[in-house]
Amino acid sequence: MDVSILGNLLSKQFDVFKGKYGYAIQMKLEPGRFLVAEAGFLLCTVTQLNHTTAFNFVGVDTGFNHMVRTTMYKSYHHIINCSSCGQPKKYIVVGNLCETGDRFTTEEREIAEVKEGDILAICCAGAYGYSMSSVYNSRNLPAEVMIDEKGSEVIRKRMCKDDLLWGY
């Protein structure tokens, strides 16, 4: 969406409203997801592969407690194998919690062939990923790292067991 085009269209409609009714109106938006969703990635490590007669499952070292959107809303998040550019295979990506809803895909997804130890990037995690995360099942929250053209910086340290016990 081009925000400037939207702003111009709305401004024209607000002017029409003012001309017709004699008073100005305002619109205020909270554009959080629009601004930051595509800027964030949840990185995780493949911990196990499980092949059944029907599906190929990829288990990772994170769960819906770190990115709950797929579980809650069945939202789609593109997943990239950062460790491989191999041939794509169909997978279902699941988390490390003992819940049936702990999935990062709602259906099979084509991802470059995965092996244990590969790093996967769950895309568009910049909005509501960390803010909706929890320490469910006493799982620590991950670090947040800001990356720009100058380098990288940890902006929120990884939670440790003492943080769980005594406060973060």
C-alpha atoms as a PDB file:
ATOM      1  CA  MET A   1       0.000   0.000   0.000  1.00  0.00           C
ATOM      2  CA  ASP A   2       1.287   3.460  -0.907  1.00  0.00           C
ATOM      3  CA  VAL A   3       0.632   5.511   2.225  1.00  0.00           C
ATOM      4  CA  SER A   4       0.971   8.877   0.439  1.00  0.00           C
ATOM      5  CA  ILE A   5      -1.709   7.950  -2.129  1.00  0.00           C
ATOM      6  CA  LEU A   6      -4.023   6.773   0.666  1.00  0.00           C
ATOM      7  CA  GLY A   7      -3.368  10.005   2.607  1.00  0.00           C
ATOM      8  CA  ASN A   8      -4.200  12.163  -0.426  1.00  0.00           C
ATOM      9  CA  LEU A   9      -7.434  10.256  -1.110  1.00  0.00           C
ATOM     10  CA  LEU A  10      -8.531  10.530   2.521  1.00  0.00           C
ATOM     11  CA  SER A  11      -7.663  14.239   2.659  1.00  0.00           C
ATOM     12  CA  LYS A  12      -9.866  14.892  -0.362  1.00  0.00           C
ATOM     13  CA  GLN A  13     -12.757  13.013   1.261  1.00  0.00           C
ATOM     14  CA  PHE A  14     -12.265  14.921   4.519  1.00  0.00           C
ATOM     15  CA  ASP A  15     -12.415  18.214   2.561  1.00  0.00           C
ATOM     16  CA  VAL A  16     -15.671  17.079   0.929  1.00  0.00           C
ATOM     17  CA  PHE A  17     -17.065  16.221   4.375  1.00  0.00           C
ATOM     18  CA  LYS A  18     -16.044  19.643   5.773  1.00  0.00           C
ATOM     19  CA  GLY A  19     -17.661  21.404   2.806  1.00  0.00           C
ATOM     20  CA  LYS A  20     -20.888  19.442   3.245  1.00  0.00           C
ATOM     21  CA  TYR A  21     -21.200  19.477   7.058  1.00  0.00           C
ATOM     22  CA  GLY A  22     -19.143  22.518   8.060  1.00  0.00           C
ATOM     23  CA  TYR A  23     -16.608  20.953  10.365  1.00  0.00           C
ATOM     24  CA  ALA A  24     -13.335  19.116  10.001  1.00  0.00           C
ATOM     25  CA  ILE A  25     -12.767  15.531  11.022  1.00  0.00           C
ATOM     26  CA  GLN A  26      -9.567  13.691  11.870  1.00  0.00           C
ATOM     27  CA  MET A  27      -8.505  10.100  11.510  1.00  0.00           C
ATOM     28  CA  LYS A  28      -5.852   8.532  13.707  1.00  0.00           C
ATOM     29  CA  LEU A  29      -4.363   5.151  12.923  1.00  0.00           C
ATOM     30  CA  GLU A  30      -2.053   2.759  14.714  1.00  0.00           C
ATOM     31  CA  PRO A  31       0.004   1.470  11.785  1.00  0.00           C
ATOM     32  CA  GLY A  32       2.303  -0.827  13.794  1.00  0.00           C
ATOM     33  CA  ARG A  33       2.151  -4.001  11.738  1.00  0.00           C
ATOM     34  CA  PHE A  34       2.250  -2.104   8.450  1.00  0.00           C
ATOM     35  CA  LEU A  35       5.470  -0.345   9.471  1.00  0.00           C
ATOM     36  CA  VAL A  36       7.474  -3.131  11.082  1.00  0.00           C
ATOM     37  CA  ALA A  37       6.134  -6.583  10.168  1.00  0.00           C
ATOM     38  CA  GLU A  38       8.466  -7.194   7.268  1.00  0.00           C
ATOM     39  CA  ALA A  39      11.451  -5.913   9.238  1.00  0.00           C
ATOM     40  CA  GLY A  40      11.580  -8.830  11.658  1.00  0.00           C
ATOM     41  CA  PHE A  41      12.631 -12.464  11.468  1.00  0.00           C
ATOM     42  CA  LEU A  42      12.461 -15.193  14.074  1.00  0.00           C
ATOM     43  CA  LEU A  43      15.560 -17.342  13.596  1.00  0.00           C
ATOM     44  CA  CYS A  44      15.486 -20.913  14.810  1.00  0.00           C
ATOM     45  CA  THR A  45      17.558 -24.065  14.554  1.00  0.00           C
ATOM     46  CA  VAL A  46      16.263 -27.338  13.143  1.00  0.00           C
ATOM     47  CA  THR A  47      16.483 -29.881  15.949  1.00  0.00           C
ATOM     48  CA  GLN A  48      14.799 -32.888  14.345  1.00  0.00           C
ATOM     49  CA  LEU A  49      13.251 -34.264  11.196  1.00  0.00           C
ATOM     50  CA  ASN A  50      10.391 -36.733  11.267  1.00  0.00           C
ATOM     51  CA  HIS A  51       9.170 -38.353   8.065  1.00  0.00           C
ATOM     52  CA  THR A  52       5.822 -40.135   8.105  1.00  0.00           C
ATOM     53  CA  THR A  53       4.012 -41.778   5.231  1.00  0.00           C
ATOM     54  CA  ALA A  54       1.989 -38.575   4.820  1.00  0.00           C
ATOM     55  CA  PHE A  55       4.228 -35.667   5.869  1.00  0.00           C
ATOM     56  CA  ASN A  56       7.755 -34.413   6.445  1.00  0.00           C
ATOM     57  CA  PHE A  57       7.927 -32.643   9.803  1.00  0.00           C
ATOM     58  CA  VAL A  58      10.648 -30.174  10.784  1.00  0.00           C
ATOM     59  CA  GLY A  59      11.089 -29.601  14.523  1.00  0.00           C
ATOM     60  CA  VAL A  60      12.731 -26.357  15.629  1.00  0.00           C
ATOM     61  CA  ASP A  61      14.114 -24.959  18.877  1.00  0.00           C
ATOM     62  CA  THR A  62      11.356 -22.381  19.335  1.00  0.00           C
ATOM     63  CA  GLY A  63       7.616 -22.557  19.763  1.00  0.00           C
ATOM     64  CA  PHE A  64       4.378 -20.644  19.575  1.00  0.00           C
ATOM     65  CA  ASN A  65       5.360 -18.923  22.818  1.00  0.00           C
ATOM     66  CA  HIS A  66       7.846 -16.919  20.723  1.00  0.00           C
ATOM     67  CA  MET A  67       5.596 -16.385  17.687  1.00  0.00           C
ATOM     68  CA  VAL A  68       1.935 -17.141  18.365  1.00  0.00           C
ATOM     69  CA  ARG A  69       0.338 -15.605  15.252  1.00  0.00           C
ATOM     70  CA  THR A  70       0.060 -18.851  13.243  1.00  0.00           C
ATOM     71  CA  THR A  71      -1.495 -20.675  16.194  1.00  0.00           C
ATOM     72  CA  MET A  72      -3.931 -17.878  17.049  1.00  0.00           C
ATOM     73  CA  TYR A  73      -4.847 -16.537  13.609  1.00  0.00           C
ATOM     74  CA  LYS A  74      -3.598 -19.168  11.163  1.00  0.00           C
ATOM     75  CA  SER A  75      -1.421 -16.382   9.769  1.00  0.00           C
ATOM     76  CA  TYR A  76       1.013 -17.131   6.968  1.00  0.00           C
ATOM     77  CA  HIS A  77       4.705 -16.468   7.553  1.00  0.00           C
ATOM     78  CA  HIS A  78       7.122 -17.284   4.755  1.00  0.00           C
ATOM     79  CA  ILE A  79       9.930 -19.571   5.983  1.00  0.00           C
ATOM     80  CA  ILE A  80      13.420 -19.574   4.508  1.00  0.00           C
ATOM     81  CA  ASN A  81      16.169 -22.134   5.040  1.00  0.00           C
ATOM     82  CA  CYS A  82      19.119 -19.791   5.680  1.00  0.00           C
ATOM     83  CA  SER A  83      21.555 -22.718   5.573  1.00  0.00           C
ATOM     84  CA  SER A  84      20.649 -24.149   2.181  1.00  0.00           C
ATOM     85  CA  CYS A  85      19.570 -23.167  -1.300  1.00  0.00           C
ATOM     86  CA  GLY A  86      18.873 -26.794  -2.212  1.00  0.00           C
ATOM     87  CA  GLN A  87      15.893 -28.263  -3.964  1.00  0.00           C
ATOM     88  CA  PRO A  88      12.599 -27.426  -2.275  1.00  0.00           C
ATOM     89  CA  LYS A  89      10.705 -30.112  -0.388  1.00  0.00           C
ATOM     90  CA  LYS A  90       7.355 -29.985   1.344  1.00  0.00           C
ATOM     91  CA  TYR A  91       7.442 -29.690   5.129  1.00  0.00           C
ATOM     92  CA  ILE A  92       5.291 -28.904   8.114  1.00  0.00           C
ATOM     93  CA  VAL A  93       7.304 -26.828  10.601  1.00  0.00           C
ATOM     94  CA  VAL A  94       6.519 -27.465  14.267  1.00  0.00           C
ATOM     95  CA  GLY A  95       7.761 -25.988  17.521  1.00  0.00           C
ATOM     96  CA  ASN A  96       9.279 -27.496  20.634  1.00  0.00           C
ATOM     97  CA  LEU A  97       6.272 -27.245  22.960  1.00  0.00           C
ATOM     98  CA  CYS A  98       4.024 -30.167  23.825  1.00  0.00           C
ATOM     99  CA  GLU A  99       0.897 -28.691  22.231  1.00  0.00           C
ATOM    100  CA  THR A 100      -0.889 -29.678  19.026  1.00  0.00           C
ATOM    101  CA  GLY A 101      -1.155 -26.009  18.020  1.00  0.00           C
ATOM    102  CA  ASP A 102       2.591 -25.486  18.154  1.00  0.00           C
ATOM    103  CA  ARG A 103       3.054 -25.105  14.405  1.00  0.00           C
ATOM    104  CA  PHE A 104       4.570 -22.426  12.205  1.00  0.00           C
ATOM    105  CA  THR A 105       2.793 -23.701   9.088  1.00  0.00           C
ATOM    106  CA  THR A 106      -0.876 -24.526   8.757  1.00  0.00           C
ATOM    107  CA  GLU A 107      -0.165 -26.774   5.759  1.00  0.00           C
ATOM    108  CA  GLU A 108       2.779 -28.292   3.940  1.00  0.00           C
ATOM    109  CA  ARG A 109       5.207 -25.650   2.781  1.00  0.00           C
ATOM    110  CA  GLU A 110       7.958 -25.787   0.171  1.00  0.00           C
ATOM    111  CA  ILE A 111      11.290 -24.961   1.802  1.00  0.00           C
ATOM    112  CA  ALA A 112      14.805 -25.635   0.525  1.00  0.00           C
ATOM    113  CA  GLU A 113      15.730 -29.136   1.704  1.00  0.00           C
ATOM    114  CA  VAL A 114      16.254 -29.117   5.473  1.00  0.00           C
ATOM    115  CA  LYS A 115      18.680 -31.024   7.673  1.00  0.00           C
ATOM    116  CA  GLU A 116      19.294 -30.982  11.420  1.00  0.00           C
ATOM    117  CA  GLY A 117      21.287 -27.935  12.472  1.00  0.00           C
ATOM    118  CA  ASP A 118      19.989 -25.714   9.644  1.00  0.00           C
ATOM    119  CA  ILE A 119      18.868 -22.199  10.529  1.00  0.00           C
ATOM    120  CA  LEU A 120      15.346 -21.263   9.449  1.00  0.00           C
ATOM    121  CA  ALA A 121      14.011 -17.704   9.257  1.00  0.00           C
ATOM    122  CA  ILE A 122      10.333 -17.198   9.985  1.00  0.00           C
ATOM    123  CA  CYS A 123       9.601 -13.981   8.107  1.00  0.00           C
ATOM    124  CA  CYS A 124       7.411 -10.978   8.923  1.00  0.00           C
ATOM    125  CA  ALA A 125       7.879 -11.457  12.668  1.00  0.00           C
ATOM    126  CA  GLY A 126       8.583  -7.774  13.314  1.00  0.00           C
ATOM    127  CA  ALA A 127       5.079  -6.873  14.440  1.00  0.00           C
ATOM    128  CA  TYR A 128       3.592  -8.518  17.480  1.00  0.00           C
ATOM    129  CA  GLY A 129       6.158 -11.319  17.474  1.00  0.00           C
ATOM    130  CA  TYR A 130       8.038 -10.309  20.591  1.00  0.00           C
ATOM    131  CA  SER A 131       5.219  -8.247  22.118  1.00  0.00           C
ATOM    132  CA  MET A 132       2.890 -11.289  22.038  1.00  0.00           C
ATOM    133  CA  SER A 133       5.558 -13.736  23.189  1.00  0.00           C
ATOM    134  CA  SER A 134       5.472 -15.447  26.559  1.00  0.00           C
ATOM    135  CA  VAL A 135       7.468 -17.691  28.849  1.00  0.00           C
ATOM    136  CA  TYR A 136       4.917 -20.489  28.448  1.00  0.00           C
ATOM    137  CA  ASN A 137       6.251 -23.835  29.740  1.00  0.00           C
ATOM    138  CA  SER A 138       9.108 -21.867  31.353  1.00  0.00           C
ATOM    139  CA  ARG A 139      10.740 -21.279  27.970  1.00  0.00           C
ATOM    140  CA  ASN A 140      13.068 -18.278  27.979  1.00  0.00           C
ATOM    141  CA  LEU A 141      12.440 -15.396  25.600  1.00  0.00           C
ATOM    142  CA  PRO A 142      15.033 -15.040  22.830  1.00  0.00           C
ATOM    143  CA  ALA A 143      17.317 -12.078  22.319  1.00  0.00           C
ATOM    144  CA  GLU A 144      16.332  -9.314  19.930  1.00  0.00           C
ATOM    145  CA  VAL A 145      19.023  -8.084  17.578  1.00  0.00           C
ATOM    146  CA  MET A 146      18.836  -4.914  15.489  1.00  0.00           C
ATOM    147  CA  ILE A 147      20.714  -5.129  12.194  1.00  0.00           C
ATOM    148  CA  ASP A 148      21.380  -2.190   9.892  1.00  0.00           C
ATOM    149  CA  GLU A 149      24.014  -1.094   7.405  1.00  0.00           C
ATOM    150  CA  LYS A 150      26.407  -0.293  10.287  1.00  0.00           C
ATOM    151  CA  GLY A 151      26.244  -3.750  11.864  1.00  0.00           C
ATOM    152  CA  SER A 152      24.250  -5.457  14.590  1.00  0.00           C
ATOM    153  CA  GLU A 153      23.409  -4.759  18.207  1.00  0.00           C
ATOM    154  CA  VAL A 154      21.577  -6.764  20.857  1.00  0.00           C
ATOM    155  CA  ILE A 155      18.643  -4.554  21.866  1.00  0.00           C
ATOM    156  CA  ARG A 156      17.089  -7.046  24.280  1.00  0.00           C
ATOM    157  CA  LYS A 157      19.201  -9.736  25.898  1.00  0.00           C
ATOM    158  CA  ARG A 158      18.158 -13.372  25.901  1.00  0.00           C
ATOM    159  CA  MET A 159      16.273 -14.314  29.011  1.00  0.00           C
ATOM    160  CA  CYS A 160      18.010 -16.701  31.411  1.00  0.00           C
ATOM    161  CA  LYS A 161      16.661 -18.997  34.134  1.00  0.00           C
ATOM    162  CA  ASP A 162      17.308 -16.386  36.860  1.00  0.00           C
ATOM    163  CA  ASP A 163      15.119 -13.942  34.901  1.00  0.00           C
ATOM    164  CA  LEU A 164      12.309 -16.513  35.021  1.00  0.00           C
ATOM    165  CA  LEU A 165      12.738 -16.982  38.756  1.00  0.00           C
ATOM    166  CA  TRP A 166      13.419 -13.434  39.916  1.00  0.00           C
ATOM    167  CA  GLY A 167      12.068 -11.181  37.168  1.00  0.00           C
ATOM    168  CA  TYR A 168      13.246  -9.962  33.793  1.00  0.00           C
END
